Amino acid sequence: MSERSILDLVIALLPGLKPVDRIKLLQIFDREEDFIVQFRSDIENILKHGLNQFWDIDEVCARAGQIDAICRKRSIEWVSWKDEAYPPMLREMYDPPSVIFYRGRLPYPGKPLLGMVGTRKPSPEASAQSFLLACGAGRTGISVVSGLALGIDAMSHRGNLAGGVPGYAVLGSGTDEIYPASNRHLAKQILDSGGALISEYPPGTRPYKGNFPARNRIISALSRSVLIVEAPQKSGALHTASFALEQGRDLWVASTGIQRHDGALYDKRGTVKLAYDGAEIIYSVADILKKWNIDYIESGDYEIPGNKAGKRELLPSELVSSMADYLEIDL
């Protein structure tokens, strides 16, 4: 809990404010008693813009007290942007959450994380590659951060846990509202690994559709590099890719995300477009380690089915173009 009492949680719960507004209020006010006496005009002068709605400060303070009590009861921690324990990678964002809630242990500040996301309905090859890349990364000590969704997210989490490192999942709901429910056991495994479930939403928050794009900016911000394994033309993973570029993170595409699939056509148009636009292509964990300047031992365990050990060349640009024609997208 914040050393500044419950003030930071109160500010986090104020309705109608943007993240940057909340950060400004955190920077200005140090004591709850100073903040609760402010009039609407005072807040508008501080933020330099009008408010669409104002709040009953007594109700907000009561709500903050209730949430703090729920957190204590359910072993949920919360940390403010003002606290030293706040993840430094998040602090670099333009619009960081003023407070984050978490269960488990936050990643060590100096520990680089690999963001891995993609479609909820992946091809078999993309599922396998997600698992193998995340597992190989785990064997070298690299933890994955993803969104606990079905498909690529879940396979990445499972592979990373199999690699023997803590896992990290960012939720679009409260950390006590696991979504989808079928991944509750996976969430428990992440906690048991020494990792964490992380959210900017207080306990009890349901997984509303609008929460997930905002969640994606946290995944990319926590990551040193972001790997989009496979994504259709309209995908939340592409939101993560956009955030990664805005935040100055490496943006990569997995090789299965741009390859044909024999039989049923899986929508890979999102990842094909990213590759065409210049995202580097990842074939194996060795490629990731090289880019991070980490020594590695060549191992067939890290290879993707169908790739021969040692094959590292990137997909030629003309093949990317032919994939674009095949998938009928306008590049």
C-alpha atoms as a PDB file:
ATOM      1  CA  MET A   1       0.000   0.000   0.000  1.00  0.00           C
ATOM      2  CA  SER A   2       1.120   3.569  -0.693  1.00  0.00           C
ATOM      3  CA  GLU A   3       3.016   5.371   2.049  1.00  0.00           C
ATOM      4  CA  ARG A   4       0.826   8.382   1.159  1.00  0.00           C
ATOM      5  CA  SER A   5      -2.119   6.698   2.885  1.00  0.00           C
ATOM      6  CA  ILE A   6      -5.105   6.144   0.635  1.00  0.00           C
ATOM      7  CA  LEU A   7      -4.806   9.392  -1.361  1.00  0.00           C
ATOM      8  CA  ASP A   8      -3.345   7.748  -4.457  1.00  0.00           C
ATOM      9  CA  LEU A   9      -6.137   5.187  -4.554  1.00  0.00           C
ATOM     10  CA  VAL A  10      -8.699   7.981  -4.230  1.00  0.00           C
ATOM     11  CA  ILE A  11      -7.168   9.781  -7.226  1.00  0.00           C
ATOM     12  CA  ALA A  12      -7.122   6.543  -9.218  1.00  0.00           C
ATOM     13  CA  LEU A  13     -10.867   6.127  -8.680  1.00  0.00           C
ATOM     14  CA  LEU A  14     -11.956   9.637  -9.681  1.00  0.00           C
ATOM     15  CA  PRO A  15     -14.415   9.311 -12.580  1.00  0.00           C
ATOM     16  CA  GLY A  16     -13.939  10.979 -15.964  1.00  0.00           C
ATOM     17  CA  LEU A  17     -10.174  11.596 -15.813  1.00  0.00           C
ATOM     18  CA  LYS A  18      -7.464  10.507 -18.234  1.00  0.00           C
ATOM     19  CA  PRO A  19      -4.320   8.753 -16.923  1.00  0.00           C
ATOM     20  CA  VAL A  20      -2.247  11.901 -17.523  1.00  0.00           C
ATOM     21  CA  ASP A  21      -4.714  13.913 -15.401  1.00  0.00           C
ATOM     22  CA  ARG A  22      -4.367  11.485 -12.520  1.00  0.00           C
ATOM     23  CA  ILE A  23      -0.561  11.618 -12.701  1.00  0.00           C
ATOM     24  CA  LYS A  24      -0.685  15.419 -12.547  1.00  0.00           C
ATOM     25  CA  LEU A  25      -2.823  15.271  -9.414  1.00  0.00           C
ATOM     26  CA  LEU A  26      -0.454  12.733  -7.844  1.00  0.00           C
ATOM     27  CA  GLN A  27       2.451  15.085  -8.484  1.00  0.00           C
ATOM     28  CA  ILE A  28       0.732  18.067  -6.900  1.00  0.00           C
ATOM     29  CA  PHE A  29      -0.948  16.597  -3.828  1.00  0.00           C
ATOM     30  CA  ASP A  30       0.853  14.802  -1.019  1.00  0.00           C
ATOM     31  CA  ARG A  31      -1.832  14.717   1.648  1.00  0.00           C
ATOM     32  CA  GLU A  32      -5.403  13.488   1.530  1.00  0.00           C
ATOM     33  CA  GLU A  33      -6.654  16.360   3.662  1.00  0.00           C
ATOM     34  CA  ASP A  34      -5.305  18.875   1.117  1.00  0.00           C
ATOM     35  CA  PHE A  35      -6.974  17.168  -1.812  1.00  0.00           C
ATOM     36  CA  ILE A  36     -10.442  16.531  -0.440  1.00  0.00           C
ATOM     37  CA  VAL A  37     -11.093  20.258   0.142  1.00  0.00           C
ATOM     38  CA  GLN A  38     -10.571  21.195  -3.521  1.00  0.00           C
ATOM     39  CA  PHE A  39     -13.463  22.672  -5.475  1.00  0.00           C
ATOM     40  CA  ARG A  40     -14.275  21.762  -9.059  1.00  0.00           C
ATOM     41  CA  SER A  41     -12.806  25.044 -10.287  1.00  0.00           C
ATOM     42  CA  ASP A  42      -9.565  24.288  -8.409  1.00  0.00           C
ATOM     43  CA  ILE A  43      -9.184  20.919 -10.157  1.00  0.00           C
ATOM     44  CA  GLU A  44     -10.001  22.422 -13.560  1.00  0.00           C
ATOM     45  CA  ASN A  45      -7.345  25.104 -13.055  1.00  0.00           C
ATOM     46  CA  ILE A  46      -4.773  22.473 -12.151  1.00  0.00           C
ATOM     47  CA  LEU A  47      -5.605  20.245 -15.133  1.00  0.00           C
ATOM     48  CA  LYS A  48      -5.979  23.164 -17.550  1.00  0.00           C
ATOM     49  CA  HIS A  49      -9.283  21.854 -18.913  1.00  0.00           C
ATOM     50  CA  GLY A  50     -12.902  21.529 -17.900  1.00  0.00           C
ATOM     51  CA  LEU A  51     -14.423  18.426 -16.343  1.00  0.00           C
ATOM     52  CA  ASN A  52     -17.385  16.652 -17.904  1.00  0.00           C
ATOM     53  CA  GLN A  53     -18.371  15.414 -14.474  1.00  0.00           C
ATOM     54  CA  PHE A  54     -17.373  16.063 -10.917  1.00  0.00           C
ATOM     55  CA  TRP A  55     -17.426  13.719  -7.986  1.00  0.00           C
ATOM     56  CA  ASP A  56     -18.717  13.389  -4.490  1.00  0.00           C
ATOM     57  CA  ILE A  57     -15.380  13.160  -2.700  1.00  0.00           C
ATOM     58  CA  ASP A  58     -16.899  11.444   0.326  1.00  0.00           C
ATOM     59  CA  GLU A  59     -18.260   8.670  -1.917  1.00  0.00           C
ATOM     60  CA  VAL A  60     -14.900   8.279  -3.684  1.00  0.00           C
ATOM     61  CA  CYS A  61     -13.023   8.094  -0.384  1.00  0.00           C
ATOM     62  CA  ALA A  62     -15.472   5.514   0.923  1.00  0.00           C
ATOM     63  CA  ARG A  63     -15.048   3.480  -2.269  1.00  0.00           C
ATOM     64  CA  ALA A  64     -11.258   3.685  -1.936  1.00  0.00           C
ATOM     65  CA  GLY A  65     -11.477   2.382   1.608  1.00  0.00           C
ATOM     66  CA  GLN A  66     -13.678  -0.511   0.470  1.00  0.00           C
ATOM     67  CA  ILE A  67     -11.285  -1.459  -2.327  1.00  0.00           C
ATOM     68  CA  ASP A  68      -8.292  -1.301  -0.015  1.00  0.00           C
ATOM     69  CA  ALA A  69     -10.100  -3.634   2.400  1.00  0.00           C
ATOM     70  CA  ILE A  70     -10.981  -6.034  -0.444  1.00  0.00           C
ATOM     71  CA  CYS A  71      -7.354  -6.033  -1.576  1.00  0.00           C
ATOM     72  CA  ARG A  72      -6.163  -6.972   1.892  1.00  0.00           C
ATOM     73  CA  LYS A  73      -8.771  -9.723   2.159  1.00  0.00           C
ATOM     74  CA  ARG A  74      -7.948 -11.229  -1.262  1.00  0.00           C
ATOM     75  CA  SER A  75      -4.154 -10.847  -1.120  1.00  0.00           C
ATOM     76  CA  ILE A  76      -4.152  -8.204  -3.845  1.00  0.00           C
ATOM     77  CA  GLU A  77      -1.470  -5.547  -3.641  1.00  0.00           C
ATOM     78  CA  TRP A  78      -1.599  -2.090  -5.158  1.00  0.00           C
ATOM     79  CA  VAL A  79       1.204   0.318  -5.919  1.00  0.00           C
ATOM     80  CA  SER A  80       1.067   3.969  -6.935  1.00  0.00           C
ATOM     81  CA  TRP A  81       2.974   5.795  -9.656  1.00  0.00           C
ATOM     82  CA  LYS A  82       4.586   7.745  -6.803  1.00  0.00           C
ATOM     83  CA  ASP A  83       5.990   4.623  -5.123  1.00  0.00           C
ATOM     84  CA  GLU A  84       9.492   3.260  -5.702  1.00  0.00           C
ATOM     85  CA  ALA A  85       8.018  -0.199  -6.260  1.00  0.00           C
ATOM     86  CA  TYR A  86       6.107   1.006  -9.332  1.00  0.00           C
ATOM     87  CA  PRO A  87       7.553  -0.733 -12.456  1.00  0.00           C
ATOM     88  CA  PRO A  88       9.992   1.729 -14.058  1.00  0.00           C
ATOM     89  CA  MET A  89       9.121   0.587 -17.583  1.00  0.00           C
ATOM     90  CA  LEU A  90       5.534   1.710 -16.986  1.00  0.00           C
ATOM     91  CA  ARG A  91       6.700   5.050 -15.645  1.00  0.00           C
ATOM     92  CA  GLU A  92       8.169   5.827 -19.078  1.00  0.00           C
ATOM     93  CA  MET A  93       4.731   5.711 -20.722  1.00  0.00           C
ATOM     94  CA  TYR A  94       2.908   8.816 -21.883  1.00  0.00           C
ATOM     95  CA  ASP A  95      -0.235   7.637 -20.066  1.00  0.00           C
ATOM     96  CA  PRO A  96       0.824   5.290 -17.246  1.00  0.00           C
ATOM     97  CA  PRO A  97      -1.771   3.922 -14.830  1.00  0.00           C
ATOM     98  CA  SER A  98      -1.753   6.014 -11.679  1.00  0.00           C
ATOM     99  CA  VAL A  99      -2.174   2.800  -9.675  1.00  0.00           C
ATOM    100  CA  ILE A 100      -1.676  -0.828 -10.603  1.00  0.00           C
ATOM    101  CA  PHE A 101      -3.134  -3.792  -8.760  1.00  0.00           C
ATOM    102  CA  TYR A 102      -1.367  -7.131  -8.709  1.00  0.00           C
ATOM    103  CA  ARG A 103      -1.333 -10.590  -7.221  1.00  0.00           C
ATOM    104  CA  GLY A 104       2.017 -12.298  -6.825  1.00  0.00           C
ATOM    105  CA  ARG A 105       5.339 -10.537  -7.314  1.00  0.00           C
ATOM    106  CA  LEU A 106       6.067  -7.766  -9.763  1.00  0.00           C
ATOM    107  CA  PRO A 107       9.033  -8.345 -12.091  1.00  0.00           C
ATOM    108  CA  TYR A 108      12.423  -7.236 -10.835  1.00  0.00           C
ATOM    109  CA  PRO A 109      12.988  -3.680 -12.175  1.00  0.00           C
ATOM    110  CA  GLY A 110      16.087  -4.633 -14.157  1.00  0.00           C
ATOM    111  CA  LYS A 111      14.618  -7.805 -15.640  1.00  0.00           C
ATOM    112  CA  PRO A 112      13.876  -7.565 -19.387  1.00  0.00           C
ATOM    113  CA  LEU A 113      10.567  -9.103 -20.417  1.00  0.00           C
ATOM    114  CA  LEU A 114       9.457 -10.416 -23.790  1.00  0.00           C
ATOM    115  CA  GLY A 115       5.942  -9.445 -24.837  1.00  0.00           C
ATOM    116  CA  MET A 116       4.167 -12.181 -26.808  1.00  0.00           C
ATOM    117  CA  VAL A 117       0.641 -11.740 -28.158  1.00  0.00           C
ATOM    118  CA  GLY A 118      -1.539 -12.847 -31.038  1.00  0.00           C
ATOM    119  CA  THR A 119      -4.845 -14.195 -32.225  1.00  0.00           C
ATOM    120  CA  ARG A 120      -7.251 -16.168 -30.068  1.00  0.00           C
ATOM    121  CA  LYS A 121      -7.739 -18.602 -32.986  1.00  0.00           C
ATOM    122  CA  PRO A 122      -4.220 -19.474 -34.132  1.00  0.00           C
ATOM    123  CA  SER A 123      -3.091 -21.985 -36.711  1.00  0.00           C
ATOM    124  CA  PRO A 124      -1.518 -25.176 -35.298  1.00  0.00           C
ATOM    125  CA  GLU A 125       1.924 -24.017 -36.446  1.00  0.00           C
ATOM    126  CA  ALA A 126       1.573 -20.659 -34.672  1.00  0.00           C
ATOM    127  CA  SER A 127       0.419 -22.369 -31.475  1.00  0.00           C
ATOM    128  CA  ALA A 128       3.451 -24.658 -31.571  1.00  0.00           C
ATOM    129  CA  GLN A 129       5.823 -21.810 -32.297  1.00  0.00           C
ATOM    130  CA  SER A 130       4.413 -19.734 -29.451  1.00  0.00           C
ATOM    131  CA  PHE A 131       5.040 -22.558 -27.016  1.00  0.00           C
ATOM    132  CA  LEU A 132       8.541 -23.333 -28.327  1.00  0.00           C
ATOM    133  CA  LEU A 133       9.729 -19.729 -28.439  1.00  0.00           C
ATOM    134  CA  ALA A 134       8.400 -18.985 -24.955  1.00  0.00           C
ATOM    135  CA  CYS A 135       9.836 -22.209 -23.569  1.00  0.00           C
ATOM    136  CA  GLY A 136      13.241 -21.571 -25.126  1.00  0.00           C
ATOM    137  CA  ALA A 137      13.213 -18.018 -23.809  1.00  0.00           C
ATOM    138  CA  GLY A 138      12.366 -19.345 -20.355  1.00  0.00           C
ATOM    139  CA  ARG A 139      15.300 -21.751 -20.423  1.00  0.00           C
ATOM    140  CA  THR A 140      17.600 -18.774 -20.879  1.00  0.00           C
ATOM    141  CA  GLY A 141      15.945 -16.858 -18.040  1.00  0.00           C
ATOM    142  CA  ILE A 142      13.647 -14.627 -20.094  1.00  0.00           C
ATOM    143  CA  SER A 143      10.104 -14.206 -18.782  1.00  0.00           C
ATOM    144  CA  VAL A 144       7.159 -13.549 -21.060  1.00  0.00           C
ATOM    145  CA  VAL A 145       4.435 -10.989 -20.462  1.00  0.00           C
ATOM    146  CA  SER A 146       1.118 -11.542 -22.234  1.00  0.00           C
ATOM    147  CA  GLY A 147      -2.618 -11.113 -21.753  1.00  0.00           C
ATOM    148  CA  LEU A 148      -3.893 -14.525 -20.562  1.00  0.00           C
ATOM    149  CA  ALA A 149      -6.275 -14.696 -23.533  1.00  0.00           C
ATOM    150  CA  LEU A 150      -7.083 -17.878 -25.416  1.00  0.00           C
ATOM    151  CA  GLY A 151      -4.820 -18.897 -28.285  1.00  0.00           C
ATOM    152  CA  ILE A 152      -1.389 -17.329 -28.665  1.00  0.00           C
ATOM    153  CA  ASP A 153      -1.379 -15.654 -25.231  1.00  0.00           C
ATOM    154  CA  ALA A 154      -2.157 -18.876 -23.388  1.00  0.00           C
ATOM    155  CA  MET A 155       0.349 -20.934 -25.401  1.00  0.00           C
ATOM    156  CA  SER A 156       3.050 -18.336 -24.743  1.00  0.00           C
ATOM    157  CA  HIS A 157       2.344 -18.400 -21.007  1.00  0.00           C
ATOM    158  CA  ARG A 158       2.381 -22.203 -20.940  1.00  0.00           C
ATOM    159  CA  GLY A 159       5.614 -22.451 -22.895  1.00  0.00           C
ATOM    160  CA  ASN A 160       7.333 -19.902 -20.689  1.00  0.00           C
ATOM    161  CA  LEU A 161       6.254 -21.717 -17.523  1.00  0.00           C
ATOM    162  CA  ALA A 162       7.585 -24.958 -19.025  1.00  0.00           C
ATOM    163  CA  GLY A 163      10.875 -23.115 -19.479  1.00  0.00           C
ATOM    164  CA  GLY A 164      11.064 -22.667 -15.711  1.00  0.00           C
ATOM    165  CA  VAL A 165      10.715 -18.908 -15.176  1.00  0.00           C
ATOM    166  CA  PRO A 166       8.092 -16.674 -13.530  1.00  0.00           C
ATOM    167  CA  GLY A 167       5.269 -15.570 -15.814  1.00  0.00           C
ATOM    168  CA  TYR A 168       3.420 -12.270 -16.035  1.00  0.00           C
ATOM    169  CA  ALA A 169      -0.129 -11.664 -17.267  1.00  0.00           C
ATOM    170  CA  VAL A 170      -1.791  -8.267 -17.737  1.00  0.00           C
ATOM    171  CA  LEU A 171      -5.560  -8.432 -17.425  1.00  0.00           C
ATOM    172  CA  GLY A 172      -8.410  -6.391 -18.833  1.00  0.00           C
ATOM    173  CA  SER A 173     -10.336  -7.029 -15.612  1.00  0.00           C
ATOM    174  CA  GLY A 174      -9.645  -7.021 -11.904  1.00  0.00           C
ATOM    175  CA  THR A 175      -7.008  -9.514 -10.801  1.00  0.00           C
ATOM    176  CA  ASP A 176      -9.753 -11.449  -9.015  1.00  0.00           C
ATOM    177  CA  GLU A 177     -11.842 -11.732 -12.209  1.00  0.00           C
ATOM    178  CA  ILE A 178      -9.934 -14.186 -14.389  1.00  0.00           C
ATOM    179  CA  TYR A 179     -10.988 -14.051 -18.017  1.00  0.00           C
ATOM    180  CA  PRO A 180     -11.542 -16.350 -19.728  1.00  0.00           C
ATOM    181  CA  ALA A 181     -12.587 -18.617 -16.869  1.00  0.00           C
ATOM    182  CA  SER A 182     -10.999 -21.578 -18.647  1.00  0.00           C
ATOM    183  CA  ASN A 183      -7.582 -20.030 -17.930  1.00  0.00           C
ATOM    184  CA  ARG A 184      -8.014 -19.899 -14.161  1.00  0.00           C
ATOM    185  CA  HIS A 185      -5.674 -22.848 -13.702  1.00  0.00           C
ATOM    186  CA  LEU A 186      -3.118 -21.149 -15.944  1.00  0.00           C
ATOM    187  CA  ALA A 187      -3.427 -17.993 -13.834  1.00  0.00           C
ATOM    188  CA  LYS A 188      -2.730 -20.080 -10.718  1.00  0.00           C
ATOM    189  CA  GLN A 189       0.327 -21.596 -12.386  1.00  0.00           C
ATOM    190  CA  ILE A 190       1.623 -18.102 -13.154  1.00  0.00           C
ATOM    191  CA  LEU A 191       1.250 -17.140  -9.497  1.00  0.00           C
ATOM    192  CA  ASP A 192       2.818 -20.410  -8.347  1.00  0.00           C
ATOM    193  CA  SER A 193       5.799 -19.717 -10.631  1.00  0.00           C
ATOM    194  CA  GLY A 194       6.619 -16.565  -8.678  1.00  0.00           C
ATOM    195  CA  GLY A 195       5.126 -14.282 -11.318  1.00  0.00           C
ATOM    196  CA  ALA A 196       2.173 -11.937 -11.197  1.00  0.00           C
ATOM    197  CA  LEU A 197      -1.269 -11.048 -12.459  1.00  0.00           C
ATOM    198  CA  ILE A 198      -1.314  -7.306 -13.145  1.00  0.00           C
ATOM    199  CA  SER A 199      -4.135  -4.856 -13.840  1.00  0.00           C
ATOM    200  CA  GLU A 200      -4.913  -1.157 -13.705  1.00  0.00           C
ATOM    201  CA  TYR A 201      -8.487  -2.064 -12.772  1.00  0.00           C
ATOM    202  CA  PRO A 202      -9.575  -2.518  -9.150  1.00  0.00           C
ATOM    203  CA  PRO A 203     -10.818  -5.865  -7.833  1.00  0.00           C
ATOM    204  CA  GLY A 204     -14.305  -6.749  -8.936  1.00  0.00           C
ATOM    205  CA  THR A 205     -13.943  -5.122 -12.372  1.00  0.00           C
ATOM    206  CA  ARG A 206     -15.495  -7.318 -15.030  1.00  0.00           C
ATOM    207  CA  PRO A 207     -13.721  -7.895 -18.374  1.00  0.00           C
ATOM    208  CA  TYR A 208     -15.427  -5.141 -20.351  1.00  0.00           C
ATOM    209  CA  LYS A 209     -14.535  -5.007 -24.037  1.00  0.00           C
ATOM    210  CA  GLY A 210     -13.209  -1.462 -23.795  1.00  0.00           C
ATOM    211  CA  ASN A 211     -10.657  -2.443 -21.145  1.00  0.00           C
ATOM    212  CA  PHE A 212      -8.544  -4.593 -23.430  1.00  0.00           C
ATOM    213  CA  PRO A 213      -7.031  -1.988 -25.786  1.00  0.00           C
ATOM    214  CA  ALA A 214      -5.854  -0.046 -22.718  1.00  0.00           C
ATOM    215  CA  ARG A 215      -4.508  -3.300 -21.235  1.00  0.00           C
ATOM    216  CA  ASN A 216      -2.383  -3.812 -24.364  1.00  0.00           C
ATOM    217  CA  ARG A 217      -0.406  -0.617 -23.803  1.00  0.00           C
ATOM    218  CA  ILE A 218       0.743  -2.025 -20.457  1.00  0.00           C
ATOM    219  CA  ILE A 219       1.885  -5.301 -22.036  1.00  0.00           C
ATOM    220  CA  SER A 220       4.070  -3.444 -24.528  1.00  0.00           C
ATOM    221  CA  ALA A 221       5.355  -0.965 -21.944  1.00  0.00           C
ATOM    222  CA  LEU A 222       6.529  -3.752 -19.628  1.00  0.00           C
ATOM    223  CA  SER A 223       8.369  -5.442 -22.493  1.00  0.00           C
ATOM    224  CA  ARG A 224      11.810  -4.865 -23.892  1.00  0.00           C
ATOM    225  CA  SER A 225      10.607  -6.305 -27.213  1.00  0.00           C
ATOM    226  CA  VAL A 226       7.163  -7.304 -28.488  1.00  0.00           C
ATOM    227  CA  LEU A 227       6.614 -10.377 -30.651  1.00  0.00           C
ATOM    228  CA  ILE A 228       3.346 -10.636 -32.584  1.00  0.00           C
ATOM    229  CA  VAL A 229       3.092 -14.345 -33.348  1.00  0.00           C
ATOM    230  CA  GLU A 230       0.048 -14.429 -35.598  1.00  0.00           C
ATOM    231  CA  ALA A 231      -2.718 -11.866 -36.018  1.00  0.00           C
ATOM    232  CA  PRO A 232      -5.643 -11.213 -38.354  1.00  0.00           C
ATOM    233  CA  GLN A 233      -6.290  -7.906 -40.068  1.00  0.00           C
ATOM    234  CA  LYS A 234      -8.404  -6.664 -37.151  1.00  0.00           C
ATOM    235  CA  SER A 235      -6.824  -7.773 -33.894  1.00  0.00           C
ATOM    236  CA  GLY A 236      -6.067  -6.512 -30.429  1.00  0.00           C
ATOM    237  CA  ALA A 237      -2.515  -7.732 -31.027  1.00  0.00           C
ATOM    238  CA  LEU A 238      -2.149  -4.992 -33.632  1.00  0.00           C
ATOM    239  CA  HIS A 239      -3.046  -2.443 -30.955  1.00  0.00           C
ATOM    240  CA  THR A 240      -0.158  -3.866 -28.942  1.00  0.00           C
ATOM    241  CA  ALA A 241       2.093  -3.508 -31.994  1.00  0.00           C
ATOM    242  CA  SER A 242       1.126   0.159 -32.362  1.00  0.00           C
ATOM    243  CA  PHE A 243       1.792   0.813 -28.688  1.00  0.00           C
ATOM    244  CA  ALA A 244       5.169  -0.921 -28.978  1.00  0.00           C
ATOM    245  CA  LEU A 245       6.226   1.413 -31.792  1.00  0.00           C
ATOM    246  CA  GLU A 246       4.970   4.469 -29.904  1.00  0.00           C
ATOM    247  CA  GLN A 247       6.889   3.393 -26.808  1.00  0.00           C
ATOM    248  CA  GLY A 248      10.120   2.675 -28.677  1.00  0.00           C
ATOM    249  CA  ARG A 249      10.060  -1.097 -28.204  1.00  0.00           C
ATOM    250  CA  ASP A 250      11.418  -3.633 -30.694  1.00  0.00           C
ATOM    251  CA  LEU A 251       8.575  -5.002 -32.803  1.00  0.00           C
ATOM    252  CA  TRP A 252       8.923  -8.497 -34.236  1.00  0.00           C
ATOM    253  CA  VAL A 253       6.734 -10.933 -36.146  1.00  0.00           C
ATOM    254  CA  ALA A 254       6.995 -14.721 -35.782  1.00  0.00           C
ATOM    255  CA  SER A 255       7.689 -16.651 -38.958  1.00  0.00           C
ATOM    256  CA  THR A 256       4.499 -18.702 -38.718  1.00  0.00           C
ATOM    257  CA  GLY A 257       2.542 -15.464 -38.747  1.00  0.00           C
ATOM    258  CA  ILE A 258       3.410 -14.914 -42.406  1.00  0.00           C
ATOM    259  CA  GLN A 259       3.478 -18.470 -43.742  1.00  0.00           C
ATOM    260  CA  ARG A 260       0.856 -20.371 -45.663  1.00  0.00           C
ATOM    261  CA  HIS A 261      -1.144 -23.003 -43.831  1.00  0.00           C
ATOM    262  CA  ASP A 262      -1.983 -26.200 -45.663  1.00  0.00           C
ATOM    263  CA  GLY A 263      -5.708 -26.737 -45.652  1.00  0.00           C
ATOM    264  CA  ALA A 264      -7.856 -24.207 -43.809  1.00  0.00           C
ATOM    265  CA  LEU A 265      -7.005 -20.556 -44.318  1.00  0.00           C
ATOM    266  CA  TYR A 266      -6.068 -18.842 -41.080  1.00  0.00           C
ATOM    267  CA  ASP A 267      -6.215 -15.065 -41.104  1.00  0.00           C
ATOM    268  CA  LYS A 268      -2.616 -13.822 -40.918  1.00  0.00           C
ATOM    269  CA  ARG A 269      -3.182 -10.514 -42.683  1.00  0.00           C
ATOM    270  CA  GLY A 270      -2.226  -8.463 -39.636  1.00  0.00           C
ATOM    271  CA  THR A 271       1.177 -10.065 -39.195  1.00  0.00           C
ATOM    272  CA  VAL A 272       1.822 -10.093 -42.951  1.00  0.00           C
ATOM    273  CA  LYS A 273       1.213  -6.343 -43.020  1.00  0.00           C
ATOM    274  CA  LEU A 274       3.553  -5.786 -40.057  1.00  0.00           C
ATOM    275  CA  ALA A 275       6.314  -7.777 -41.796  1.00  0.00           C
ATOM    276  CA  TYR A 276       5.751  -5.891 -45.032  1.00  0.00           C
ATOM    277  CA  ASP A 277       6.045  -2.613 -43.125  1.00  0.00           C
ATOM    278  CA  GLY A 278       9.423  -3.636 -41.719  1.00  0.00           C
ATOM    279  CA  ALA A 279       8.905  -5.672 -38.552  1.00  0.00           C
ATOM    280  CA  GLU A 280      11.758  -8.167 -38.208  1.00  0.00           C
ATOM    281  CA  ILE A 281      10.903 -11.847 -38.484  1.00  0.00           C
ATOM    282  CA  ILE A 282      11.720 -14.312 -35.702  1.00  0.00           C
ATOM    283  CA  TYR A 283      12.301 -17.972 -36.521  1.00  0.00           C
ATOM    284  CA  SER A 284      13.655 -19.287 -33.230  1.00  0.00           C
ATOM    285  CA  VAL A 285      14.674 -18.235 -29.754  1.00  0.00           C
ATOM    286  CA  ALA A 286      18.257 -17.955 -31.024  1.00  0.00           C
ATOM    287  CA  ASP A 287      17.157 -14.969 -33.111  1.00  0.00           C
ATOM    288  CA  ILE A 288      15.773 -13.274 -29.999  1.00  0.00           C
ATOM    289  CA  LEU A 289      18.906 -13.940 -27.982  1.00  0.00           C
ATOM    290  CA  LYS A 290      21.119 -12.560 -30.741  1.00  0.00           C
ATOM    291  CA  LYS A 291      19.106  -9.350 -30.831  1.00  0.00           C
ATOM    292  CA  TRP A 292      19.408  -9.059 -27.051  1.00  0.00           C
ATOM    293  CA  ASN A 293      23.127  -9.904 -27.166  1.00  0.00           C
ATOM    294  CA  ILE A 294      22.655 -12.964 -24.976  1.00  0.00           C
ATOM    295  CA  ASP A 295      24.873 -16.013 -25.443  1.00  0.00           C
ATOM    296  CA  TYR A 296      23.026 -19.178 -26.374  1.00  0.00           C
ATOM    297  CA  ILE A 297      23.629 -22.839 -27.110  1.00  0.00           C
ATOM    298  CA  GLU A 298      22.145 -24.136 -30.342  1.00  0.00           C
ATOM    299  CA  SER A 299      19.395 -26.628 -29.573  1.00  0.00           C
ATOM    300  CA  GLY A 300      16.853 -28.422 -31.683  1.00  0.00           C
ATOM    301  CA  ASP A 301      14.405 -27.928 -28.815  1.00  0.00           C
ATOM    302  CA  TYR A 302      14.204 -24.266 -29.805  1.00  0.00           C
ATOM    303  CA  GLU A 303      13.471 -24.928 -33.460  1.00  0.00           C
ATOM    304  CA  ILE A 304      10.107 -24.578 -35.121  1.00  0.00           C
ATOM    305  CA  PRO A 305       8.665 -27.683 -36.795  1.00  0.00           C
ATOM    306  CA  GLY A 306       9.806 -27.688 -40.402  1.00  0.00           C
ATOM    307  CA  ASN A 307      12.854 -25.458 -39.791  1.00  0.00           C
ATOM    308  CA  LYS A 308      16.274 -27.018 -40.021  1.00  0.00           C
ATOM    309  CA  ALA A 309      18.693 -26.241 -37.217  1.00  0.00           C
ATOM    310  CA  GLY A 310      20.820 -23.257 -38.058  1.00  0.00           C
ATOM    311  CA  LYS A 311      18.415 -21.783 -40.613  1.00  0.00           C
ATOM    312  CA  ARG A 312      18.368 -18.091 -39.757  1.00  0.00           C
ATOM    313  CA  GLU A 313      17.838 -16.157 -42.988  1.00  0.00           C
ATOM    314  CA  LEU A 314      14.913 -13.764 -43.031  1.00  0.00           C
ATOM    315  CA  LEU A 315      11.975 -14.250 -45.320  1.00  0.00           C
ATOM    316  CA  PRO A 316      12.718 -12.445 -48.623  1.00  0.00           C
ATOM    317  CA  SER A 317      10.664  -9.323 -49.199  1.00  0.00           C
ATOM    318  CA  GLU A 318       9.227 -10.721 -52.401  1.00  0.00           C
ATOM    319  CA  LEU A 319       7.826 -13.688 -50.455  1.00  0.00           C
ATOM    320  CA  VAL A 320       6.148 -11.286 -48.056  1.00  0.00           C
ATOM    321  CA  SER A 321       4.595  -9.576 -51.056  1.00  0.00           C
ATOM    322  CA  SER A 322       3.380 -12.876 -52.459  1.00  0.00           C
ATOM    323  CA  MET A 323       1.848 -13.697 -49.062  1.00  0.00           C
ATOM    324  CA  ALA A 324       0.039 -10.371 -49.193  1.00  0.00           C
ATOM    325  CA  ASP A 325      -1.409 -11.308 -52.580  1.00  0.00           C
ATOM    326  CA  TYR A 326      -2.375 -14.739 -51.274  1.00  0.00           C
ATOM    327  CA  LEU A 327      -4.180 -13.271 -48.280  1.00  0.00           C
ATOM    328  CA  GLU A 328      -5.768 -10.554 -50.430  1.00  0.00           C
ATOM    329  CA  ILE A 329      -4.724  -7.585 -48.359  1.00  0.00           C
ATOM    330  CA  ASP A 330      -3.922  -4.102 -49.579  1.00  0.00           C
ATOM    331  CA  LEU A 331      -0.361  -3.237 -48.573  1.00  0.00           C
END
